[in-house]
Amino acid sequence: MNKKIWIAALLVTVMAVAAGCGSKPTAAPNQTQGAGTENNVTEVEGETITEPVTAEPEENTTPTESTEEGSSEEATTTTPPSETSTEKPATSESNEKKTITVFYTDEEELELHKASAEISYASDDAKYKAAFESLQQSKDAKLVPLWSKEIELKSVQFKDGALKLDIHMPDTARLGAGGESYALDALKQTFFQFDEVKSLDLLVDGQQTESLMGHVDLEHPMTRSE
């Protein structure tokens, strides 16, 4: 009995050794690796061992562009509509109108005649200039101006009640003795109606002359008669 057991064990051993010697080592099949995986093949004592090697993923060097828009919006300034003013701009000087008395003569130069005239002015100097111009023109054909339009009023000065007129008078504007006397009376009565005028000085081309037209003495200055 023991002999049979030993014979059976020996047969199994012989078969096992024969089976081990007859089989050849086979290389492990290549396995399909995923992206980024490499096979590392190593031979150890006649056997080929394949070790999977996983490659490190490549770094993405392309920066991600930010597509976010700024949350702040541009401030929009709204200009309120301008209001249209219906008021007229104020002027530094406003014209005043005044009705004055002006003196003329008749066609025969027999006496003085008074008439009304309206003047417009923005200052005292302009008022006196307008009054002088009224003496040079008449709306009534029967009233003859004693001061010709050829006479030029060069300047007007008023200070402390004293009025000074400077004129240029050509020879063609000169009158006779009666006309000269009436012309001076018309001048005085026209300007002395202004309460502020206390004296009147008449110059010819800036000079004080003894006579205006050569017939009547010319006072410097002429004063208001009480």
Protein backbone atom coordinates (compact mmCIF):
# COMPACT_ATOMS: atom_id res chain seq x y z
CA MET A 1 0.00 0.00 0.00
CA ASN A 2 2.68 2.46 0.88
CA LYS A 3 4.53 1.59 -2.26
CA LYS A 4 1.54 2.56 -4.43
CA ILE A 5 1.24 5.94 -2.75
CA TRP A 6 4.87 6.70 -3.33
CA ILE A 7 4.65 5.64 -6.95
CA ALA A 8 1.61 7.90 -7.50
CA ALA A 9 3.34 10.87 -5.88
CA LEU A 10 6.40 10.33 -8.03
CA LEU A 11 4.31 10.26 -11.20
CA VAL A 12 2.62 13.55 -10.26
CA THR A 13 5.97 15.17 -9.60
CA VAL A 14 7.43 13.95 -12.92
CA MET A 15 4.39 15.25 -14.83
CA ALA A 16 4.58 18.60 -13.09
CA VAL A 17 8.28 18.97 -13.95
CA ALA A 18 7.65 17.97 -17.54
CA ALA A 19 4.84 20.45 -17.84
CA GLY A 20 7.01 23.25 -16.44
CA CYS A 21 9.90 22.54 -18.80
CA GLY A 22 7.71 22.27 -21.85
CA SER A 23 5.94 25.64 -21.49
CA LYS A 24 7.64 28.77 -23.00
CA PRO A 25 7.37 32.20 -21.40
CA THR A 26 5.09 34.45 -23.34
CA ALA A 27 5.26 38.22 -23.29
CA ALA A 28 2.32 39.98 -21.87
CA PRO A 29 0.22 41.51 -24.62
CA ASN A 30 0.41 45.23 -25.16
CA GLN A 31 -2.52 46.89 -23.65
CA THR A 32 -3.96 49.91 -25.29
CA GLN A 33 -3.29 52.74 -22.93
CA GLY A 34 -5.22 55.89 -22.75
CA ALA A 35 -3.93 59.15 -23.99
CA GLY A 36 -0.72 60.15 -22.30
CA THR A 37 0.23 56.54 -21.26
CA GLU A 38 3.53 54.86 -22.29
CA ASN A 39 4.72 51.20 -21.92
CA ASN A 40 8.02 50.56 -20.13
CA VAL A 41 9.37 47.11 -21.17
CA THR A 42 11.90 45.42 -18.88
CA GLU A 43 13.50 41.98 -19.32
CA VAL A 44 14.18 40.12 -16.14
CA GLU A 45 15.95 36.71 -16.48
CA GLY A 46 14.46 35.92 -19.84
CA GLU A 47 11.02 37.19 -18.99
CA THR A 48 9.56 40.37 -20.46
CA ILE A 49 7.67 42.54 -18.02
CA THR A 50 5.62 45.41 -19.33
CA GLU A 51 4.97 48.18 -16.83
CA PRO A 52 2.50 50.85 -17.74
CA VAL A 53 3.94 54.33 -17.37
CA THR A 54 1.53 57.23 -17.13
CA ALA A 55 2.82 60.45 -18.66
CA GLU A 56 2.16 63.67 -16.85
CA PRO A 57 -0.45 65.80 -18.59
CA GLU A 58 0.91 68.74 -20.53
CA GLU A 59 0.40 72.05 -18.96
CA ASN A 60 -1.91 74.42 -20.76
CA THR A 61 0.22 77.47 -21.38
CA THR A 62 -2.51 79.42 -23.10
CA PRO A 63 -4.02 81.83 -20.59
CA THR A 64 -7.73 82.01 -20.47
CA GLU A 65 -8.91 85.31 -21.75
CA SER A 66 -11.41 87.04 -19.60
CA THR A 67 -14.51 87.91 -21.46
CA GLU A 68 -16.19 89.53 -18.57
CA GLU A 69 -17.31 93.04 -19.25
CA GLY A 70 -16.93 95.74 -16.73
CA SER A 71 -19.93 96.03 -14.55
CA SER A 72 -19.73 99.77 -14.40
CA GLU A 73 -21.42 101.64 -17.21
CA GLU A 74 -20.20 104.96 -18.49
CA ALA A 75 -21.89 107.73 -16.69
CA THR A 76 -24.10 109.69 -18.99
CA THR A 77 -24.48 113.37 -18.18
CA THR A 78 -27.84 114.71 -19.13
CA THR A 79 -27.88 118.43 -19.81
CA PRO A 80 -31.21 119.95 -18.97
CA PRO A 81 -32.75 121.94 -21.80
CA SER A 82 -31.99 125.60 -21.56
CA GLU A 83 -34.89 127.81 -20.81
CA THR A 84 -35.66 130.49 -23.33
CA SER A 85 -35.94 133.82 -21.68
CA THR A 86 -38.47 136.22 -23.08
CA GLU A 87 -37.00 139.16 -21.22
CA LYS A 88 -34.99 141.66 -23.20
CA PRO A 89 -31.42 142.22 -22.01
CA ALA A 90 -31.05 145.31 -19.94
CA THR A 91 -29.03 148.08 -21.52
CA SER A 92 -26.57 150.16 -19.58
CA GLU A 93 -28.16 153.32 -20.91
CA SER A 94 -31.82 153.80 -21.72
CA ASN A 95 -33.01 156.58 -24.00
CA GLU A 96 -35.17 159.25 -22.42
CA LYS A 97 -37.53 161.53 -24.27
CA LYS A 98 -38.26 165.09 -23.39
CA THR A 99 -40.30 167.87 -24.97
CA ILE A 100 -38.42 171.17 -24.93
CA THR A 101 -39.03 174.72 -26.13
CA VAL A 102 -36.94 175.85 -29.08
CA PHE A 103 -36.68 179.38 -30.52
CA TYR A 104 -36.64 180.48 -34.15
CA THR A 105 -37.27 183.65 -36.11
CA ASP A 106 -39.60 184.56 -38.96
CA GLU A 107 -38.68 185.05 -42.57
CA GLU A 108 -38.15 188.80 -42.06
CA GLU A 109 -36.13 188.26 -38.84
CA LEU A 110 -38.43 190.61 -36.96
CA GLU A 111 -38.72 188.68 -33.69
CA LEU A 112 -38.24 185.34 -31.94
CA HIS A 113 -40.86 182.61 -32.08
CA LYS A 114 -40.96 179.60 -29.83
CA ALA A 115 -41.99 176.09 -30.76
CA SER A 116 -41.99 172.64 -29.17
CA ALA A 117 -39.56 169.89 -30.10
CA GLU A 118 -39.10 166.36 -28.79
CA ILE A 119 -35.57 165.13 -28.10
CA SER A 120 -34.26 161.68 -27.22
CA TYR A 121 -31.07 161.16 -25.24
CA ALA A 122 -29.16 158.70 -23.07
CA SER A 123 -26.96 161.14 -21.14
CA ASP A 124 -26.78 164.81 -20.21
CA ASP A 125 -24.23 165.54 -22.94
CA ALA A 126 -26.51 163.84 -25.48
CA LYS A 127 -29.41 165.95 -24.20
CA TYR A 128 -27.57 169.21 -24.82
CA LYS A 129 -26.42 168.03 -28.22
CA ALA A 130 -30.00 167.13 -29.18
CA ALA A 131 -31.21 170.55 -28.03
CA PHE A 132 -28.60 172.30 -30.20
CA GLU A 133 -29.61 170.19 -33.21
CA SER A 134 -33.24 171.23 -32.62
CA LEU A 135 -32.15 174.86 -33.08
CA GLN A 136 -30.81 173.95 -36.54
CA GLN A 137 -34.04 172.54 -37.97
CA SER A 138 -37.73 173.44 -38.05
CA LYS A 139 -40.83 171.51 -39.02
CA ASP A 140 -42.72 174.76 -39.71
CA ALA A 141 -41.79 176.58 -42.92
CA LYS A 142 -42.71 179.90 -41.29
CA LEU A 143 -40.18 179.37 -38.50
CA VAL A 144 -36.62 179.95 -39.65
CA PRO A 145 -33.69 178.47 -37.70
CA LEU A 146 -31.07 181.02 -36.65
CA TRP A 147 -28.42 178.34 -36.33
CA SER A 148 -27.51 176.93 -39.73
CA LYS A 149 -26.91 173.20 -40.26
CA GLU A 150 -23.48 174.22 -41.55
CA ILE A 151 -22.49 175.02 -37.97
CA GLU A 152 -20.76 172.02 -36.37
CA LEU A 153 -21.05 171.27 -32.68
CA LYS A 154 -17.59 169.91 -31.93
CA SER A 155 -17.91 169.16 -28.22
CA VAL A 156 -20.16 169.48 -25.18
CA GLN A 157 -18.91 169.75 -21.60
CA PHE A 158 -21.03 170.11 -18.47
CA LYS A 159 -19.68 170.37 -14.94
CA ASP A 160 -21.03 171.95 -11.76
CA GLY A 161 -23.79 173.84 -13.56
CA ALA A 162 -21.46 175.25 -16.22
CA LEU A 163 -22.21 174.24 -19.82
CA LYS A 164 -19.55 174.75 -22.47
CA LEU A 165 -20.24 174.41 -26.20
CA ASP A 166 -17.47 174.40 -28.80
CA ILE A 167 -18.57 175.06 -32.39
CA HIS A 168 -17.10 175.52 -35.85
CA MET A 169 -18.89 178.17 -37.89
CA PRO A 170 -18.17 178.77 -41.58
CA ASP A 171 -18.55 182.27 -43.05
CA THR A 172 -21.69 181.22 -44.94
CA ALA A 173 -23.49 180.67 -41.61
CA ARG A 174 -22.96 184.24 -40.38
CA LEU A 175 -25.94 186.59 -40.01
CA GLY A 176 -26.42 190.33 -39.79
CA ALA A 177 -26.58 192.30 -36.56
CA GLY A 178 -30.26 191.53 -35.93
CA GLY A 179 -29.88 187.86 -36.77
CA GLU A 180 -26.78 187.51 -34.54
CA SER A 181 -28.63 189.05 -31.59
CA TYR A 182 -31.63 186.78 -32.11
CA ALA A 183 -29.32 183.73 -32.49
CA LEU A 184 -27.67 184.38 -29.11
CA ASP A 185 -31.04 184.97 -27.43
CA ALA A 186 -32.43 181.77 -28.93
CA LEU A 187 -29.36 179.86 -27.69
CA LYS A 188 -29.64 181.19 -24.14
CA GLN A 189 -33.39 180.68 -23.79
CA THR A 190 -33.16 177.14 -25.18
CA PHE A 191 -30.40 175.98 -22.81
CA PHE A 192 -31.40 177.92 -19.70
CA GLN A 193 -34.71 176.06 -19.64
CA PHE A 194 -32.71 173.19 -18.14
CA ASP A 195 -32.64 173.96 -14.42
CA GLU A 196 -29.20 172.46 -13.89
CA VAL A 197 -27.57 174.86 -16.38
CA LYS A 198 -26.40 177.98 -14.55
CA SER A 199 -23.97 179.38 -17.12
CA LEU A 200 -23.25 178.93 -20.82
CA ASP A 201 -19.93 179.50 -22.52
CA LEU A 202 -19.77 179.45 -26.32
CA LEU A 203 -16.38 178.78 -27.95
CA VAL A 204 -15.47 178.96 -31.62
CA ASP A 205 -12.91 176.31 -32.58
CA GLY A 206 -11.91 176.07 -28.92
CA GLN A 207 -11.30 179.80 -28.53
CA GLN A 208 -13.17 182.53 -26.67
CA THR A 209 -14.03 185.25 -29.19
CA GLU A 210 -15.20 188.81 -28.58
CA SER A 211 -18.09 188.40 -31.01
CA LEU A 212 -19.80 185.44 -32.61
CA MET A 213 -20.45 187.00 -36.00
CA GLY A 214 -18.77 190.38 -35.64
CA HIS A 215 -21.76 192.51 -34.56
CA VAL A 216 -22.67 191.67 -30.95
CA ASP A 217 -20.39 191.24 -27.97
CA LEU A 218 -20.14 187.66 -26.74
CA GLU A 219 -19.99 187.18 -22.98
CA HIS A 220 -17.82 184.43 -21.45
CA PRO A 221 -19.78 182.94 -19.90
CA MET A 222 -23.37 183.95 -20.49
CA THR A 223 -25.47 183.64 -17.36
CA ARG A 224 -29.11 183.05 -16.62
CA SER A 225 -31.06 186.27 -16.32
CA GLU A 226 -33.17 186.47 -13.17
